[in-house]
Amino acid sequence: MRKIFLILVLAFTVSCGSSQSITNSPKEKFNFTQFGFSKKIDLKQAALTSDELLPGYQLTSEMLTDPDARYVSTFYYGVVAHAPFLGSVVEKSFQSIDGPDRDCGSIMYFEFDREMDAATYTYLNRLFWGKRMTPSSWYSPEFFMSSNTLVVWCLPMKSPIKEQSQKKLFQMLSKM
């Protein structure tokens, strides 16, 4: 009975399109649901280059996360603990970006040894957002997963640089 309920919840989550739809600002909405969970991403190409940064932004070497969202950096450094649900880490990296008006944070990139699916998506929702399973605060992380890769944006909700990163990923996936 529990398995049937879980399957129904997962099917509902995927069919509703909530699984990969990211709304960042009133003008941009990136509907990643059209790509499903199967597109392979080259994480090196997904990362922003210094040339792609908006004026006033700069890359830093220190991981920047909001003090109220310390669990995000804990996830990055302790991702091995999540291996039963995500797989073993093949590669991981992050970019930290410092910008004007407290617009700073990190973008995390992960590659795992196995493909992820709707159950993995539900696990990540609960991990990052708790029982509500939706972003709820100014610094709630947003993520995109596909095939065996995961990108996590740990930036303010209305961050122009997060929008720039999501736009780049969306365009990259659209060309595949």
Protein backbone atom coordinates (compact mmCIF):
# COMPACT_ATOMS: atom_id res chain seq x y z
CA MET A 1 0.00 0.00 0.00
CA ARG A 2 2.84 2.40 0.88
CA LYS A 3 4.58 1.70 -2.43
CA ILE A 4 1.42 2.48 -4.40
CA PHE A 5 0.97 5.75 -2.50
CA LEU A 6 4.61 6.74 -3.14
CA ILE A 7 4.29 5.93 -6.84
CA LEU A 8 1.13 8.03 -7.08
CA VAL A 9 2.81 10.97 -5.32
CA LEU A 10 5.84 10.74 -7.62
CA ALA A 11 3.68 10.47 -10.73
CA PHE A 12 1.67 13.50 -9.61
CA THR A 13 4.82 15.51 -8.94
CA VAL A 14 6.28 14.76 -12.36
CA SER A 15 3.02 15.19 -14.29
CA CYS A 16 2.25 18.54 -12.68
CA GLY A 17 5.45 19.98 -14.06
CA SER A 18 6.61 21.18 -10.68
CA SER A 19 9.65 18.97 -10.85
CA GLN A 20 11.91 21.27 -12.79
CA SER A 21 10.13 24.59 -13.14
CA ILE A 22 12.12 27.49 -11.79
CA THR A 23 10.63 30.93 -11.42
CA ASN A 24 13.26 33.49 -10.64
CA SER A 25 11.72 36.83 -11.42
CA PRO A 26 8.52 38.30 -12.81
CA LYS A 27 10.05 38.50 -16.29
CA GLU A 28 11.83 35.13 -16.54
CA LYS A 29 10.52 31.63 -15.96
CA PHE A 30 12.59 28.69 -17.00
CA ASN A 31 10.46 25.62 -17.50
CA PHE A 32 13.02 22.84 -17.31
CA THR A 33 10.24 20.20 -17.20
CA GLN A 34 10.36 19.87 -20.98
CA PHE A 35 13.82 18.33 -20.65
CA GLY A 36 12.71 15.62 -18.21
CA PHE A 37 15.37 13.84 -16.21
CA SER A 38 17.42 12.38 -19.04
CA LYS A 39 19.57 15.12 -20.67
CA LYS A 40 23.26 14.84 -19.90
CA ILE A 41 24.87 18.10 -18.86
CA ASP A 42 28.51 19.08 -19.21
CA LEU A 43 29.00 20.83 -15.88
CA LYS A 44 32.09 22.68 -17.06
CA GLN A 45 30.01 24.29 -19.81
CA ALA A 46 27.16 25.07 -17.41
CA ALA A 47 29.39 27.08 -15.07
CA LEU A 48 29.49 30.83 -15.60
CA THR A 49 32.73 32.26 -16.90
CA SER A 50 34.10 35.58 -15.68
CA ASP A 51 33.09 37.06 -19.06
CA GLU A 52 29.46 36.03 -18.44
CA LEU A 53 29.21 37.73 -15.06
CA LEU A 54 27.05 40.82 -14.88
CA PRO A 55 28.75 44.16 -14.15
CA GLY A 56 29.55 44.51 -10.44
CA TYR A 57 29.83 40.74 -9.86
CA GLN A 58 32.99 38.76 -9.25
CA LEU A 59 33.94 35.14 -8.62
CA THR A 60 35.38 34.29 -5.20
CA SER A 61 37.11 31.17 -3.95
CA GLU A 62 35.25 30.91 -0.62
CA MET A 63 31.85 29.19 -0.49
CA LEU A 64 29.20 31.79 0.21
CA THR A 65 25.93 30.66 1.77
CA ASP A 66 23.39 32.44 3.91
CA PRO A 67 23.87 31.79 7.67
CA ASP A 68 20.26 30.54 7.81
CA ALA A 69 21.02 28.03 5.05
CA ARG A 70 24.17 26.41 6.44
CA TYR A 71 22.69 23.02 5.61
CA VAL A 72 23.45 23.75 1.95
CA SER A 73 27.21 23.91 2.51
CA THR A 74 26.84 20.89 4.80
CA PHE A 75 25.21 19.09 1.87
CA TYR A 76 28.13 20.02 -0.41
CA TYR A 77 30.86 18.88 1.97
CA GLY A 78 28.92 15.87 3.27
CA VAL A 79 27.27 14.69 0.06
CA VAL A 80 28.75 11.23 0.66
CA ALA A 81 26.11 10.74 3.37
CA HIS A 82 23.42 10.97 0.67
CA ALA A 83 24.99 8.31 -1.56
CA PRO A 84 22.21 5.75 -0.93
CA PHE A 85 19.75 8.18 -2.57
CA LEU A 86 21.93 10.02 -5.09
CA GLY A 87 24.79 7.66 -5.89
CA SER A 88 28.50 8.16 -5.40
CA VAL A 89 30.00 11.49 -6.38
CA VAL A 90 32.09 11.35 -9.56
CA GLU A 91 32.81 15.07 -9.60
CA LYS A 92 31.74 18.13 -7.66
CA SER A 93 32.60 21.81 -7.81
CA PHE A 94 31.16 25.16 -6.86
CA GLN A 95 31.28 28.77 -7.94
CA SER A 96 30.85 31.56 -5.44
CA ILE A 97 29.77 34.91 -6.74
CA ASP A 98 29.81 38.21 -4.87
CA GLY A 99 27.70 41.05 -6.18
CA PRO A 100 26.06 44.32 -5.29
CA ASP A 101 23.17 44.74 -2.83
CA ARG A 102 23.91 41.54 -0.87
CA ASP A 103 23.44 39.47 -4.02
CA CYS A 104 26.00 36.80 -3.26
CA GLY A 105 26.04 33.06 -2.93
CA SER A 106 27.20 29.83 -4.52
CA ILE A 107 26.25 27.55 -7.38
CA MET A 108 27.07 23.90 -6.78
CA TYR A 109 27.65 21.34 -9.51
CA PHE A 110 27.54 17.57 -8.94
CA GLU A 111 27.98 14.53 -11.15
CA PHE A 112 26.99 11.13 -9.74
CA ASP A 113 27.70 7.58 -10.84
CA ARG A 114 24.06 6.78 -11.54
CA GLU A 115 21.06 8.43 -13.14
CA MET A 116 18.53 10.19 -10.99
CA ASP A 117 14.75 9.92 -11.27
CA ALA A 118 11.51 11.27 -9.79
CA ALA A 119 12.22 9.58 -6.44
CA THR A 120 15.55 11.40 -6.27
CA TYR A 121 13.75 14.66 -7.04
CA THR A 122 11.35 14.10 -4.14
CA TYR A 123 14.28 13.29 -1.84
CA LEU A 124 16.05 16.53 -2.81
CA ASN A 125 12.85 18.54 -2.34
CA ARG A 126 12.53 17.27 1.21
CA LEU A 127 16.23 17.70 1.88
CA PHE A 128 16.36 21.34 0.75
CA TRP A 129 12.83 22.52 1.54
CA GLY A 130 11.46 20.25 4.26
CA LYS A 131 7.83 19.18 4.55
CA ARG A 132 6.55 22.10 2.46
CA MET A 133 8.63 20.87 -0.50
CA THR A 134 8.80 24.37 -1.99
CA PRO A 135 11.26 27.23 -1.48
CA SER A 136 10.07 29.31 1.44
CA SER A 137 12.67 31.92 2.30
CA TRP A 138 14.83 34.53 0.66
CA TYR A 139 17.79 32.12 0.43
CA SER A 140 16.01 28.82 -0.25
CA PRO A 141 18.16 26.89 -2.69
CA GLU A 142 16.78 25.96 -6.08
CA PHE A 143 18.07 23.00 -8.04
CA PHE A 144 17.98 21.29 -11.39
CA MET A 145 18.76 17.62 -11.85
CA SER A 146 19.04 15.65 -15.05
CA SER A 147 20.52 12.29 -15.88
CA ASN A 148 23.38 11.98 -13.38
CA THR A 149 23.97 15.69 -12.73
CA LEU A 150 22.70 18.19 -10.18
CA VAL A 151 23.00 21.98 -10.12
CA VAL A 152 22.07 23.80 -6.90
CA TRP A 153 21.68 27.59 -6.81
CA CYS A 154 22.26 29.02 -3.31
CA LEU A 155 21.54 32.65 -4.12
CA PRO A 156 18.74 35.06 -3.20
CA MET A 157 15.40 34.34 -4.88
CA LYS A 158 15.45 37.45 -7.06
CA SER A 159 19.17 37.30 -7.86
CA PRO A 160 20.09 38.60 -11.33
CA ILE A 161 23.20 36.39 -11.37
CA LYS A 162 21.11 33.30 -10.53
CA GLU A 163 18.83 34.25 -13.41
CA GLN A 164 21.90 34.55 -15.66
CA SER A 165 23.08 31.07 -14.65
CA GLN A 166 19.64 29.50 -15.11
CA LYS A 167 19.28 31.18 -18.49
CA LYS A 168 22.64 29.78 -19.61
CA LEU A 169 21.68 26.25 -18.52
CA PHE A 170 18.26 26.54 -20.15
CA GLN A 171 19.77 27.69 -23.45
CA MET A 172 22.38 24.96 -23.28
CA LEU A 173 19.69 22.29 -22.79
CA SER A 174 17.50 23.79 -25.53
CA LYS A 175 20.28 23.30 -28.08
CA MET A 176 20.76 19.61 -27.24
